[in-house]
Every structure is written in C-alpha cells, then in structure tokens.
C-alpha cells in the first residue's frame, strides 16, 4: 500500500554525515535525491528535522544554561537545518516551503496549518522548523503534532539503525529486531522509539510510526510505497 501523505522525521545528527559537527553537503544532496524519488511517485512529503548537529537545549541545561534559553537556541538550530535542506531540495528541482513555529519572517513562513496542507496538495515539500515553538518539547513531539495536524498517514522516522530492537544493536550483538510491534508492547518492554510525550500523542491519535534506516539508498521510497522496511509501530 502506497501512502498518500507522509511525515518524515530526521535527526539533526543525520545531516552531519561523516563530520563531527554541522552539516555535510554530500549527505544533504543524498537525502534530497531520496525525497525527490518519493515526490515523483505523487506522495506528499512533510519533514520535521532536529537540531542536535548544532545545539541541544538539554545539553546546554546540563552545563548550567537556562533550559528555556537553551531550547530556544535549539529551535533556531532546526531552522538552520531546515534552510539547508530546503536549499538542497530546490537544487534537486523540488519546490519546497519552510514553515517555522517561531516567527522569522525574513527566512521562513510562519506555521499556518491550512497553508501547509495547501502546499502539500500542490506537490510541494513542506519542512517544519522551530519545533513546536515551545521549550521543553522535543522535535519528536513536533513531528507527531504536525503529522496529526496535516492528517499524515504515517510518521517515518529515519535513523542510523534499521528498526526497533530488543536492545541497542550497536552495543548488544544478541539484540533482535521487531518487524511489527504495538504501542502497548513498546511501553511494556521499555523500548526507546521517541520521547514519552511524542509517543503517547501518537498512540492516542492512532498514528502509526515506522522506524527505518534512512542512510541506506532507496529505503525511503521503499517504505513510502508500502514495502516492509524497518519496524512498524501500530495499534
């Protein structure tokens, strides 16, 4: 089954590529081509991107910085990443709009739900920056919130691993992968998919999540067209 409208959640760290910090133009170009292949199938694509490659509010707070100030810096980091991804997508020939939850009118449209949906209906990719616009909420929460607001069919969470495992596969070689798992089982087993607020919001609104490896070429188009890739979390 091909999805009609997806929300792709990317971490800021994903944009670092092989670097230790910042944005890797090569990785941006790769992601732009992956996203282009999905839009060419007529699938509407919205994107929420983190800011951890530039700044994390939680990390700043742990070192004595005011948490609200730190989170505002993190929101700005997501807008910087959004601008970079927008540029890469437009270089690939994809019409893209960046909407921000915090007002930065010179560089991004303000988030307006109806306008975002209209952009998607016209075949444009919409990037949502600035998180939810509120401190103490992660970009995972922003991804779920925006997905619900735009009536996305599913959240595709692109990560470095190819799904949800019984333990961290990078640390435990005996960890086994789930192809399908319910929201209840994720909670019972204490598995880390998203932060609790985001995961609960997705569960309450019966919005499925697929966790997959974004760095394998072709995976995004495969998962968006319904192929069994990664792990699907559903009711």
C-alpha atoms as a PDB file:
ATOM      1  CA  UNK A   1       0.000   0.000   0.000  1.00  0.00           C
ATOM      2  CA  UNK A   2       1.431   3.364  -1.018  1.00  0.00           C
ATOM      3  CA  UNK A   3       0.937   6.197   1.451  1.00  0.00           C
ATOM      4  CA  UNK A   4      -0.618   9.434   0.206  1.00  0.00           C
ATOM      5  CA  UNK A   5       0.929  11.835   2.728  1.00  0.00           C
ATOM      6  CA  UNK A   6       3.911  11.117   4.948  1.00  0.00           C
ATOM      7  CA  UNK A   7       5.766  12.999   7.632  1.00  0.00           C
ATOM      8  CA  UNK A   8       9.490  12.262   7.594  1.00  0.00           C
ATOM      9  CA  UNK A   9      11.303  12.838  10.885  1.00  0.00           C
ATOM     10  CA  UNK A  10      15.066  13.327  10.604  1.00  0.00           C
ATOM     11  CA  UNK A  11      17.525  13.945  13.413  1.00  0.00           C
ATOM     12  CA  UNK A  12      19.893  16.872  13.185  1.00  0.00           C
ATOM     13  CA  UNK A  13      22.776  14.442  13.664  1.00  0.00           C
ATOM     14  CA  UNK A  14      21.773  12.727  10.409  1.00  0.00           C
ATOM     15  CA  UNK A  15      22.885  15.820   8.499  1.00  0.00           C
ATOM     16  CA  UNK A  16      26.436  15.577   9.883  1.00  0.00           C
ATOM     17  CA  UNK A  17      27.286  12.672   7.588  1.00  0.00           C
ATOM     18  CA  UNK A  18      30.884  11.744   8.367  1.00  0.00           C
ATOM     19  CA  UNK A  19      31.521  15.002  10.200  1.00  0.00           C
ATOM     20  CA  UNK A  20      31.605  15.546  13.951  1.00  0.00           C
ATOM     21  CA  UNK A  21      29.506  18.708  13.838  1.00  0.00           C
ATOM     22  CA  UNK A  22      27.422  20.836  11.499  1.00  0.00           C
ATOM     23  CA  UNK A  23      26.067  19.980   8.064  1.00  0.00           C
ATOM     24  CA  UNK A  24      27.558  17.717   5.389  1.00  0.00           C
ATOM     25  CA  UNK A  25      26.529  18.987   1.896  1.00  0.00           C
ATOM     26  CA  UNK A  26      27.048  15.484   0.462  1.00  0.00           C
ATOM     27  CA  UNK A  27      24.578  13.967   2.934  1.00  0.00           C
ATOM     28  CA  UNK A  28      22.087  16.766   2.214  1.00  0.00           C
ATOM     29  CA  UNK A  29      22.288  16.058  -1.529  1.00  0.00           C
ATOM     30  CA  UNK A  30      21.769  12.327  -0.906  1.00  0.00           C
ATOM     31  CA  UNK A  31      18.679  12.982   1.209  1.00  0.00           C
ATOM     32  CA  UNK A  32      17.326  15.417  -1.397  1.00  0.00           C
ATOM     33  CA  UNK A  33      17.537  12.710  -4.081  1.00  0.00           C
ATOM     34  CA  UNK A  34      15.821  10.196  -1.778  1.00  0.00           C
ATOM     35  CA  UNK A  35      12.990  12.648  -1.076  1.00  0.00           C
ATOM     36  CA  UNK A  36      12.717  13.540  -4.775  1.00  0.00           C
ATOM     37  CA  UNK A  37      12.133   9.883  -5.672  1.00  0.00           C
ATOM     38  CA  UNK A  38       9.171   9.855  -3.260  1.00  0.00           C
ATOM     39  CA  UNK A  39       7.606  13.066  -4.583  1.00  0.00           C
ATOM     40  CA  UNK A  40       7.892  11.723  -8.136  1.00  0.00           C
ATOM     41  CA  UNK A  41       5.510   8.927  -7.089  1.00  0.00           C
ATOM     42  CA  UNK A  42       2.908  11.551  -6.201  1.00  0.00           C
ATOM     43  CA  UNK A  43       3.378  11.103  -2.452  1.00  0.00           C
ATOM     44  CA  UNK A  44       3.038  14.295  -0.408  1.00  0.00           C
ATOM     45  CA  UNK A  45       6.032  14.852   1.876  1.00  0.00           C
ATOM     46  CA  UNK A  46       6.337  16.921   5.049  1.00  0.00           C
ATOM     47  CA  UNK A  47       9.546  16.947   7.074  1.00  0.00           C
ATOM     48  CA  UNK A  48      10.480  17.728  10.664  1.00  0.00           C
ATOM     49  CA  UNK A  49      14.178  17.955  11.396  1.00  0.00           C
ATOM     50  CA  UNK A  50      16.068  18.134  14.693  1.00  0.00           C
ATOM     51  CA  UNK A  51      18.895  20.480  15.608  1.00  0.00           C
ATOM     52  CA  UNK A  52      21.283  18.238  17.535  1.00  0.00           C
ATOM     53  CA  UNK A  53      24.080  18.692  14.980  1.00  0.00           C
ATOM     54  CA  UNK A  54      24.226  22.358  16.017  1.00  0.00           C
ATOM     55  CA  UNK A  55      22.801  22.719  19.533  1.00  0.00           C
ATOM     56  CA  UNK A  56      20.722  20.765  22.047  1.00  0.00           C
ATOM     57  CA  UNK A  57      18.818  22.640  24.741  1.00  0.00           C
ATOM     58  CA  UNK A  58      19.026  19.683  27.136  1.00  0.00           C
ATOM     59  CA  UNK A  59      22.813  19.549  26.750  1.00  0.00           C
ATOM     60  CA  UNK A  60      23.080  23.279  27.441  1.00  0.00           C
ATOM     61  CA  UNK A  61      20.880  22.956  30.538  1.00  0.00           C
ATOM     62  CA  UNK A  62      23.064  20.146  31.888  1.00  0.00           C
ATOM     63  CA  UNK A  63      26.005  22.567  31.846  1.00  0.00           C
ATOM     64  CA  UNK A  64      24.223  25.297  33.744  1.00  0.00           C
ATOM     65  CA  UNK A  65      22.450  27.175  30.954  1.00  0.00           C
ATOM     66  CA  UNK A  66      18.835  28.197  31.466  1.00  0.00           C
ATOM     67  CA  UNK A  67      16.724  25.425  29.907  1.00  0.00           C
ATOM     68  CA  UNK A  68      14.290  27.785  28.178  1.00  0.00           C
ATOM     69  CA  UNK A  69      17.150  29.760  26.613  1.00  0.00           C
ATOM     70  CA  UNK A  70      18.801  26.520  25.525  1.00  0.00           C
ATOM     71  CA  UNK A  71      15.606  25.226  23.946  1.00  0.00           C
ATOM     72  CA  UNK A  72      15.143  28.482  22.050  1.00  0.00           C
ATOM     73  CA  UNK A  73      18.677  28.064  20.681  1.00  0.00           C
ATOM     74  CA  UNK A  74      17.766  24.508  19.678  1.00  0.00           C
ATOM     75  CA  UNK A  75      14.690  25.800  17.829  1.00  0.00           C
ATOM     76  CA  UNK A  76      16.888  28.177  15.845  1.00  0.00           C
ATOM     77  CA  UNK A  77      19.208  25.255  15.057  1.00  0.00           C
ATOM     78  CA  UNK A  78      16.269  23.370  13.492  1.00  0.00           C
ATOM     79  CA  UNK A  79      15.503  26.399  11.311  1.00  0.00           C
ATOM     80  CA  UNK A  80      19.142  26.487  10.128  1.00  0.00           C
ATOM     81  CA  UNK A  81      18.885  22.792   9.235  1.00  0.00           C
ATOM     82  CA  UNK A  82      15.560  23.444   7.523  1.00  0.00           C
ATOM     83  CA  UNK A  83      17.102  26.173   5.382  1.00  0.00           C
ATOM     84  CA  UNK A  84      19.963  23.865   4.407  1.00  0.00           C
ATOM     85  CA  UNK A  85      17.589  21.042   3.466  1.00  0.00           C
ATOM     86  CA  UNK A  86      15.320  23.435   1.580  1.00  0.00           C
ATOM     87  CA  UNK A  87      18.301  24.615  -0.479  1.00  0.00           C
ATOM     88  CA  UNK A  88      19.338  21.027  -1.258  1.00  0.00           C
ATOM     89  CA  UNK A  89      15.789  20.070  -2.276  1.00  0.00           C
ATOM     90  CA  UNK A  90      15.432  23.106  -4.524  1.00  0.00           C
ATOM     91  CA  UNK A  91      18.805  22.311  -6.125  1.00  0.00           C
ATOM     92  CA  UNK A  92      17.290  18.891  -6.912  1.00  0.00           C
ATOM     93  CA  UNK A  93      14.328  20.619  -8.598  1.00  0.00           C
ATOM     94  CA  UNK A  94      11.762  20.176  -5.819  1.00  0.00           C
ATOM     95  CA  UNK A  95       9.549  23.100  -4.831  1.00  0.00           C
ATOM     96  CA  UNK A  96       9.935  23.443  -1.066  1.00  0.00           C
ATOM     97  CA  UNK A  97       8.476  25.631   1.657  1.00  0.00           C
ATOM     98  CA  UNK A  98       9.964  26.134   5.116  1.00  0.00           C
ATOM     99  CA  UNK A  99       7.499  26.960   7.875  1.00  0.00           C
ATOM    100  CA  UNK A 100       8.665  27.942  11.336  1.00  0.00           C
ATOM    101  CA  UNK A 101       6.854  27.671  14.663  1.00  0.00           C
ATOM    102  CA  UNK A 102       8.745  30.786  15.770  1.00  0.00           C
ATOM    103  CA  UNK A 103       8.352  33.906  13.666  1.00  0.00           C
ATOM    104  CA  UNK A 104      11.367  34.576  11.443  1.00  0.00           C
ATOM    105  CA  UNK A 105       9.504  36.127   8.527  1.00  0.00           C
ATOM    106  CA  UNK A 106      12.613  37.025   6.550  1.00  0.00           C
ATOM    107  CA  UNK A 107      13.702  33.388   6.197  1.00  0.00           C
ATOM    108  CA  UNK A 108      10.614  31.212   6.734  1.00  0.00           C
ATOM    109  CA  UNK A 109       6.848  31.332   6.560  1.00  0.00           C
ATOM    110  CA  UNK A 110       5.040  31.195   9.905  1.00  0.00           C
ATOM    111  CA  UNK A 111       3.395  27.830  10.545  1.00  0.00           C
ATOM    112  CA  UNK A 112      -0.183  28.026   9.288  1.00  0.00           C
ATOM    113  CA  UNK A 113      -1.872  24.642   9.147  1.00  0.00           C
ATOM    114  CA  UNK A 114      -4.194  25.307   6.202  1.00  0.00           C
ATOM    115  CA  UNK A 115      -1.361  26.859   4.199  1.00  0.00           C
ATOM    116  CA  UNK A 116       0.878  23.860   4.895  1.00  0.00           C
ATOM    117  CA  UNK A 117      -1.817  21.465   3.680  1.00  0.00           C
ATOM    118  CA  UNK A 118      -2.342  23.573   0.549  1.00  0.00           C
ATOM    119  CA  UNK A 119       1.394  23.458  -0.207  1.00  0.00           C
ATOM    120  CA  UNK A 120       1.327  19.669   0.121  1.00  0.00           C
ATOM    121  CA  UNK A 121      -1.711  19.390  -2.147  1.00  0.00           C
ATOM    122  CA  UNK A 122       0.208  21.379  -4.771  1.00  0.00           C
ATOM    123  CA  UNK A 123       3.049  18.860  -4.636  1.00  0.00           C
ATOM    124  CA  UNK A 124       5.483  20.988  -2.633  1.00  0.00           C
ATOM    125  CA  UNK A 125       7.615  19.560   0.143  1.00  0.00           C
ATOM    126  CA  UNK A 126       6.975  21.324   3.445  1.00  0.00           C
ATOM    127  CA  UNK A 127       9.679  21.499   6.121  1.00  0.00           C
ATOM    128  CA  UNK A 128       8.536  22.376   9.634  1.00  0.00           C
ATOM    129  CA  UNK A 129      11.221  24.182  11.639  1.00  0.00           C
ATOM    130  CA  UNK A 130      11.317  25.641  15.135  1.00  0.00           C
ATOM    131  CA  UNK A 131       9.990  22.503  16.853  1.00  0.00           C
ATOM    132  CA  UNK A 132       6.603  23.144  18.461  1.00  0.00           C
ATOM    133  CA  UNK A 133       7.646  26.724  19.243  1.00  0.00           C
ATOM    134  CA  UNK A 134       7.661  25.893  22.957  1.00  0.00           C
ATOM    135  CA  UNK A 135      10.516  24.964  25.302  1.00  0.00           C
ATOM    136  CA  UNK A 136      10.571  21.510  26.963  1.00  0.00           C
ATOM    137  CA  UNK A 137       9.127  19.839  23.841  1.00  0.00           C
ATOM    138  CA  UNK A 138      11.356  17.798  21.538  1.00  0.00           C
ATOM    139  CA  UNK A 139      11.322  17.695  17.757  1.00  0.00           C
ATOM    140  CA  UNK A 140       9.823  14.182  18.098  1.00  0.00           C
ATOM    141  CA  UNK A 141       6.821  15.859  19.725  1.00  0.00           C
ATOM    142  CA  UNK A 142       6.815  18.452  16.942  1.00  0.00           C
ATOM    143  CA  UNK A 143       6.845  15.670  14.331  1.00  0.00           C
ATOM    144  CA  UNK A 144       3.834  13.893  15.853  1.00  0.00           C
ATOM    145  CA  UNK A 145       1.940  17.143  16.387  1.00  0.00           C
ATOM    146  CA  UNK A 146       2.480  18.338  12.802  1.00  0.00           C
ATOM    147  CA  UNK A 147       1.650  14.884  11.401  1.00  0.00           C
ATOM    148  CA  UNK A 148      -1.684  14.925  13.229  1.00  0.00           C
ATOM    149  CA  UNK A 149      -2.426  18.493  12.155  1.00  0.00           C
ATOM    150  CA  UNK A 150      -1.798  17.846   8.448  1.00  0.00           C
ATOM    151  CA  UNK A 151      -3.549  14.436   8.514  1.00  0.00           C
ATOM    152  CA  UNK A 152      -0.430  12.471   7.543  1.00  0.00           C
ATOM    153  CA  UNK A 153      -0.963   8.745   7.020  1.00  0.00           C
ATOM    154  CA  UNK A 154       2.191   7.809   8.908  1.00  0.00           C
ATOM    155  CA  UNK A 155       5.381   9.084  10.542  1.00  0.00           C
ATOM    156  CA  UNK A 156       8.580   7.744   9.006  1.00  0.00           C
ATOM    157  CA  UNK A 157      11.416   8.109  11.500  1.00  0.00           C
ATOM    158  CA  UNK A 158      14.730   7.912   9.644  1.00  0.00           C
ATOM    159  CA  UNK A 159      17.577   6.736  11.887  1.00  0.00           C
ATOM    160  CA  UNK A 160      21.005   5.042  11.722  1.00  0.00           C
ATOM    161  CA  UNK A 161      19.557   1.611  12.568  1.00  0.00           C
ATOM    162  CA  UNK A 162      17.119  -0.454  10.532  1.00  0.00           C
ATOM    163  CA  UNK A 163      14.330  -0.667  13.071  1.00  0.00           C
ATOM    164  CA  UNK A 164      13.457  -1.252  16.726  1.00  0.00           C
ATOM    165  CA  UNK A 165      15.450  -3.916  18.571  1.00  0.00           C
ATOM    166  CA  UNK A 166      15.144  -5.663  21.927  1.00  0.00           C
ATOM    167  CA  UNK A 167      18.323  -3.765  22.910  1.00  0.00           C
ATOM    168  CA  UNK A 168      20.756  -1.330  21.305  1.00  0.00           C
ATOM    169  CA  UNK A 169      22.127  -3.324  18.327  1.00  0.00           C
ATOM    170  CA  UNK A 170      25.301  -1.223  18.320  1.00  0.00           C
ATOM    171  CA  UNK A 171      26.070  -2.419  21.868  1.00  0.00           C
ATOM    172  CA  UNK A 172      24.364  -5.823  22.096  1.00  0.00           C
ATOM    173  CA  UNK A 173      25.085  -8.276  19.264  1.00  0.00           C
ATOM    174  CA  UNK A 174      22.290 -10.574  20.511  1.00  0.00           C
ATOM    175  CA  UNK A 175      19.628  -7.896  20.071  1.00  0.00           C
ATOM    176  CA  UNK A 176      16.789  -8.990  17.787  1.00  0.00           C
ATOM    177  CA  UNK A 177      14.678  -6.788  15.542  1.00  0.00           C
ATOM    178  CA  UNK A 178      10.907  -6.370  15.556  1.00  0.00           C
ATOM    179  CA  UNK A 179       9.125  -6.149  12.199  1.00  0.00           C
ATOM    180  CA  UNK A 180       5.854  -5.117  13.848  1.00  0.00           C
ATOM    181  CA  UNK A 181       5.126  -4.069  17.427  1.00  0.00           C
ATOM    182  CA  UNK A 182       2.173  -2.461  19.197  1.00  0.00           C
ATOM    183  CA  UNK A 183       2.317   0.802  21.115  1.00  0.00           C
ATOM    184  CA  UNK A 184       1.471  -1.130  24.293  1.00  0.00           C
ATOM    185  CA  UNK A 185       4.350  -3.586  23.816  1.00  0.00           C
ATOM    186  CA  UNK A 186       6.835  -0.759  23.239  1.00  0.00           C
ATOM    187  CA  UNK A 187       5.767   0.733  26.578  1.00  0.00           C
ATOM    188  CA  UNK A 188       5.763  -2.619  28.416  1.00  0.00           C
ATOM    189  CA  UNK A 189       9.214  -3.566  27.143  1.00  0.00           C
ATOM    190  CA  UNK A 190      10.619  -0.106  27.843  1.00  0.00           C
ATOM    191  CA  UNK A 191      11.850   0.325  24.270  1.00  0.00           C
ATOM    192  CA  UNK A 192      13.059   3.736  23.121  1.00  0.00           C
ATOM    193  CA  UNK A 193      11.266   4.879  19.960  1.00  0.00           C
ATOM    194  CA  UNK A 194      10.523   8.528  20.749  1.00  0.00           C
ATOM    195  CA  UNK A 195      10.296  10.516  23.947  1.00  0.00           C
ATOM    196  CA  UNK A 196       7.279   9.663  26.110  1.00  0.00           C
ATOM    197  CA  UNK A 197       5.274  12.802  25.253  1.00  0.00           C
ATOM    198  CA  UNK A 198       5.610  12.271  21.499  1.00  0.00           C
ATOM    199  CA  UNK A 199       4.958   8.543  21.699  1.00  0.00           C
ATOM    200  CA  UNK A 200       1.842   8.983  23.856  1.00  0.00           C
ATOM    201  CA  UNK A 201       0.462  11.628  21.482  1.00  0.00           C
ATOM    202  CA  UNK A 202       0.973   9.300  18.526  1.00  0.00           C
ATOM    203  CA  UNK A 203      -0.653   6.412  20.413  1.00  0.00           C
ATOM    204  CA  UNK A 204      -3.700   8.446  21.469  1.00  0.00           C
ATOM    205  CA  UNK A 205      -4.281   9.597  17.888  1.00  0.00           C
ATOM    206  CA  UNK A 206      -3.689   6.118  16.410  1.00  0.00           C
ATOM    207  CA  UNK A 207      -0.926   7.456  14.181  1.00  0.00           C
ATOM    208  CA  UNK A 208       1.462   4.643  13.158  1.00  0.00           C
ATOM    209  CA  UNK A 209       5.245   5.095  13.163  1.00  0.00           C
ATOM    210  CA  UNK A 210       7.847   3.302  11.055  1.00  0.00           C
ATOM    211  CA  UNK A 211      11.461   3.378  12.249  1.00  0.00           C
ATOM    212  CA  UNK A 212      13.901   2.647   9.426  1.00  0.00           C
ATOM    213  CA  UNK A 213      17.471   3.186   8.247  1.00  0.00           C
ATOM    214  CA  UNK A 214      17.491   6.433   6.266  1.00  0.00           C
ATOM    215  CA  UNK A 215      21.135   6.055   5.250  1.00  0.00           C
ATOM    216  CA  UNK A 216      20.556   3.017   3.005  1.00  0.00           C
ATOM    217  CA  UNK A 217      19.903   4.328  -0.533  1.00  0.00           C
ATOM    218  CA  UNK A 218      16.400   3.526  -1.754  1.00  0.00           C
ATOM    219  CA  UNK A 219      14.943   2.780   1.688  1.00  0.00           C
ATOM    220  CA  UNK A 220      12.757   5.888   1.825  1.00  0.00           C
ATOM    221  CA  UNK A 221      10.952   5.191  -1.447  1.00  0.00           C
ATOM    222  CA  UNK A 222      10.544   1.539  -0.483  1.00  0.00           C
ATOM    223  CA  UNK A 223       8.972   2.301   2.885  1.00  0.00           C
ATOM    224  CA  UNK A 224       6.816   5.125   1.446  1.00  0.00           C
ATOM    225  CA  UNK A 225       5.370   2.773  -1.172  1.00  0.00           C
ATOM    226  CA  UNK A 226       4.435   0.206   1.461  1.00  0.00           C
ATOM    227  CA  UNK A 227       7.314  -2.266   1.357  1.00  0.00           C
ATOM    228  CA  UNK A 228       8.135  -3.871   4.706  1.00  0.00           C
ATOM    229  CA  UNK A 229      11.245  -1.977   5.813  1.00  0.00           C
ATOM    230  CA  UNK A 230      12.285  -1.304   9.404  1.00  0.00           C
ATOM    231  CA  UNK A 231       9.799  -1.674  12.266  1.00  0.00           C
ATOM    232  CA  UNK A 232       6.177  -0.568  12.216  1.00  0.00           C
ATOM    233  CA  UNK A 233       4.566   0.571  15.473  1.00  0.00           C
ATOM    234  CA  UNK A 234       0.790   0.370  15.326  1.00  0.00           C
ATOM    235  CA  UNK A 235      -2.299  -0.108  17.497  1.00  0.00           C
END
